[in-house]
Amino acid sequence: MDYAGLGNIAGAVLADGRMRHMVSHNGIAGHEARRLNEFSYPWPDGALVVLHSDGLGTHWDLGRYSGLIQREPSLIAGVLYRDFARRRDDVVVVVAR
């Protein structure tokens, strides 16, 4: 998977019991972007990719939810939103397998 993060967003690949965070640079799309680099991350079969805006707290850990990581991506996104959304900000959560 190729990824170029800009601004207050986060991404992670969860595979083989490990979470690998993706790199995002500071800036505002269309206004202030000092640099934009593309990074490649492995996305093996069965791995989960989680992308979210800064409206979601970053201290989530799917390992705290027994069996959740094997469930449908939409359910995982809903649980992350329910438990980690910052109510003072908008939130985007994308989960894909």
C-alpha atoms as a PDB file:
ATOM      1  CA  MET A   1       0.000   0.000   0.000  1.00  0.00           C
ATOM      2  CA  ASP A   2       1.297   3.474  -0.862  1.00  0.00           C
ATOM      3  CA  TYR A   3       0.465   6.233   1.619  1.00  0.00           C
ATOM      4  CA  ALA A   4       1.123   9.974   1.710  1.00  0.00           C
ATOM      5  CA  GLY A   5      -0.205  11.549   4.907  1.00  0.00           C
ATOM      6  CA  LEU A   6      -0.579  15.296   5.380  1.00  0.00           C
ATOM      7  CA  GLY A   7      -2.034  17.054   8.384  1.00  0.00           C
ATOM      8  CA  ASN A   8      -3.644  15.719  11.505  1.00  0.00           C
ATOM      9  CA  ILE A   9      -4.436  12.229  10.269  1.00  0.00           C
ATOM     10  CA  ALA A  10      -3.229   8.805  11.299  1.00  0.00           C
ATOM     11  CA  GLY A  11      -2.919   5.429   9.672  1.00  0.00           C
ATOM     12  CA  ALA A  12      -1.846   1.981  10.807  1.00  0.00           C
ATOM     13  CA  VAL A  13      -1.502  -1.526   9.413  1.00  0.00           C
ATOM     14  CA  LEU A  14      -2.352  -4.316  11.857  1.00  0.00           C
ATOM     15  CA  ALA A  15      -0.895  -7.701  10.914  1.00  0.00           C
ATOM     16  CA  ASP A  16       0.506 -10.708  12.744  1.00  0.00           C
ATOM     17  CA  GLY A  17      -0.381  -9.235  16.141  1.00  0.00           C
ATOM     18  CA  ARG A  18       1.596  -6.034  15.483  1.00  0.00           C
ATOM     19  CA  MET A  19       0.566  -2.481  14.652  1.00  0.00           C
ATOM     20  CA  ARG A  20       2.717  -0.441  12.269  1.00  0.00           C
ATOM     21  CA  HIS A  21       1.961   3.292  12.243  1.00  0.00           C
ATOM     22  CA  MET A  22       2.103   5.199   8.961  1.00  0.00           C
ATOM     23  CA  VAL A  23       3.969   8.496   8.608  1.00  0.00           C
ATOM     24  CA  SER A  24       2.030  11.755   8.227  1.00  0.00           C
ATOM     25  CA  HIS A  25       3.678  15.153   7.822  1.00  0.00           C
ATOM     26  CA  ASN A  26       2.461  18.410   9.350  1.00  0.00           C
ATOM     27  CA  GLY A  27       0.633  20.797   7.065  1.00  0.00           C
ATOM     28  CA  ILE A  28      -2.704  21.746   5.566  1.00  0.00           C
ATOM     29  CA  ALA A  29      -3.669  20.370   2.164  1.00  0.00           C
ATOM     30  CA  GLY A  30      -3.882  23.179  -0.386  1.00  0.00           C
ATOM     31  CA  HIS A  31      -2.425  25.748   1.985  1.00  0.00           C
ATOM     32  CA  GLU A  32       0.699  24.798   3.864  1.00  0.00           C
ATOM     33  CA  ALA A  33       2.544  21.666   2.873  1.00  0.00           C
ATOM     34  CA  ARG A  34       6.292  21.892   3.263  1.00  0.00           C
ATOM     35  CA  ARG A  35       6.790  18.387   1.936  1.00  0.00           C
ATOM     36  CA  LEU A  36       4.770  15.414   0.877  1.00  0.00           C
ATOM     37  CA  ASN A  37       6.428  12.035   0.742  1.00  0.00           C
ATOM     38  CA  GLU A  38       4.941   8.743  -0.300  1.00  0.00           C
ATOM     39  CA  PHE A  39       5.699   5.679   1.796  1.00  0.00           C
ATOM     40  CA  SER A  40       5.056   2.029   0.975  1.00  0.00           C
ATOM     41  CA  TYR A  41       3.723  -0.355   3.602  1.00  0.00           C
ATOM     42  CA  PRO A  42       3.086  -4.069   3.304  1.00  0.00           C
ATOM     43  CA  TRP A  43      -0.583  -5.030   3.435  1.00  0.00           C
ATOM     44  CA  PRO A  44      -0.546  -8.813   3.705  1.00  0.00           C
ATOM     45  CA  ASP A  45      -3.634 -10.998   3.306  1.00  0.00           C
ATOM     46  CA  GLY A  46      -5.859 -10.726   6.353  1.00  0.00           C
ATOM     47  CA  ALA A  47      -4.186  -7.521   7.588  1.00  0.00           C
ATOM     48  CA  LEU A  48      -6.301  -4.609   8.723  1.00  0.00           C
ATOM     49  CA  VAL A  49      -5.731  -0.975   7.732  1.00  0.00           C
ATOM     50  CA  VAL A  50      -7.101   1.783   9.964  1.00  0.00           C
ATOM     51  CA  LEU A  51      -7.098   5.419   8.802  1.00  0.00           C
ATOM     52  CA  HIS A  52      -8.592   8.263  10.819  1.00  0.00           C
ATOM     53  CA  SER A  53      -8.700  12.005  11.296  1.00  0.00           C
ATOM     54  CA  ASP A  54      -7.565  13.826  14.425  1.00  0.00           C
ATOM     55  CA  GLY A  55     -11.127  13.695  15.714  1.00  0.00           C
ATOM     56  CA  LEU A  56     -10.340  10.184  16.929  1.00  0.00           C
ATOM     57  CA  GLY A  57      -8.021   9.702  19.886  1.00  0.00           C
ATOM     58  CA  THR A  58      -4.770   7.923  19.089  1.00  0.00           C
ATOM     59  CA  HIS A  59      -4.549   5.672  22.136  1.00  0.00           C
ATOM     60  CA  TRP A  60      -6.802   2.920  20.818  1.00  0.00           C
ATOM     61  CA  ASP A  61      -5.710  -0.714  20.942  1.00  0.00           C
ATOM     62  CA  LEU A  62      -7.848  -3.334  19.224  1.00  0.00           C
ATOM     63  CA  GLY A  63      -6.166  -5.996  21.364  1.00  0.00           C
ATOM     64  CA  ARG A  64      -8.254  -4.733  24.291  1.00  0.00           C
ATOM     65  CA  TYR A  65     -11.402  -5.986  22.557  1.00  0.00           C
ATOM     66  CA  SER A  66     -11.488  -9.769  22.520  1.00  0.00           C
ATOM     67  CA  GLY A  67     -12.135 -11.037  18.978  1.00  0.00           C
ATOM     68  CA  LEU A  68     -12.902  -7.613  17.494  1.00  0.00           C
ATOM     69  CA  ILE A  69     -10.026  -7.660  15.010  1.00  0.00           C
ATOM     70  CA  GLN A  70     -11.603 -10.672  13.252  1.00  0.00           C
ATOM     71  CA  ARG A  71     -14.975  -8.919  12.835  1.00  0.00           C
ATOM     72  CA  GLU A  72     -16.231  -6.857   9.905  1.00  0.00           C
ATOM     73  CA  PRO A  73     -14.310  -3.615   9.240  1.00  0.00           C
ATOM     74  CA  SER A  74     -17.478  -1.521   9.591  1.00  0.00           C
ATOM     75  CA  LEU A  75     -18.045  -2.877  13.108  1.00  0.00           C
ATOM     76  CA  ILE A  76     -14.427  -2.133  14.049  1.00  0.00           C
ATOM     77  CA  ALA A  77     -14.792   1.446  12.749  1.00  0.00           C
ATOM     78  CA  GLY A  78     -17.983   1.856  14.764  1.00  0.00           C
ATOM     79  CA  VAL A  79     -16.355   0.662  17.984  1.00  0.00           C
ATOM     80  CA  LEU A  80     -13.384   2.997  17.472  1.00  0.00           C
ATOM     81  CA  TYR A  81     -15.762   5.897  16.859  1.00  0.00           C
ATOM     82  CA  ARG A  82     -17.912   5.061  19.882  1.00  0.00           C
ATOM     83  CA  ASP A  83     -15.010   4.711  22.305  1.00  0.00           C
ATOM     84  CA  PHE A  84     -12.403   7.198  21.032  1.00  0.00           C
ATOM     85  CA  ALA A  85     -14.178  10.047  19.197  1.00  0.00           C
ATOM     86  CA  ARG A  86     -13.315  13.500  20.506  1.00  0.00           C
ATOM     87  CA  ARG A  87     -16.734  15.082  20.752  1.00  0.00           C
ATOM     88  CA  ARG A  88     -15.421  18.593  20.024  1.00  0.00           C
ATOM     89  CA  ASP A  89     -14.154  17.704  16.519  1.00  0.00           C
ATOM     90  CA  ASP A  90     -15.350  16.031  13.343  1.00  0.00           C
ATOM     91  CA  VAL A  91     -14.274  12.404  12.900  1.00  0.00           C
ATOM     92  CA  VAL A  92     -13.460  10.171   9.947  1.00  0.00           C
ATOM     93  CA  VAL A  93     -12.630   6.491  10.510  1.00  0.00           C
ATOM     94  CA  VAL A  94     -11.880   4.073   7.666  1.00  0.00           C
ATOM     95  CA  VAL A  95     -11.160   0.406   8.345  1.00  0.00           C
ATOM     96  CA  ALA A  96     -10.368  -2.026   5.516  1.00  0.00           C
ATOM     97  CA  ARG A  97      -9.163  -5.591   5.196  1.00  0.00           C
END
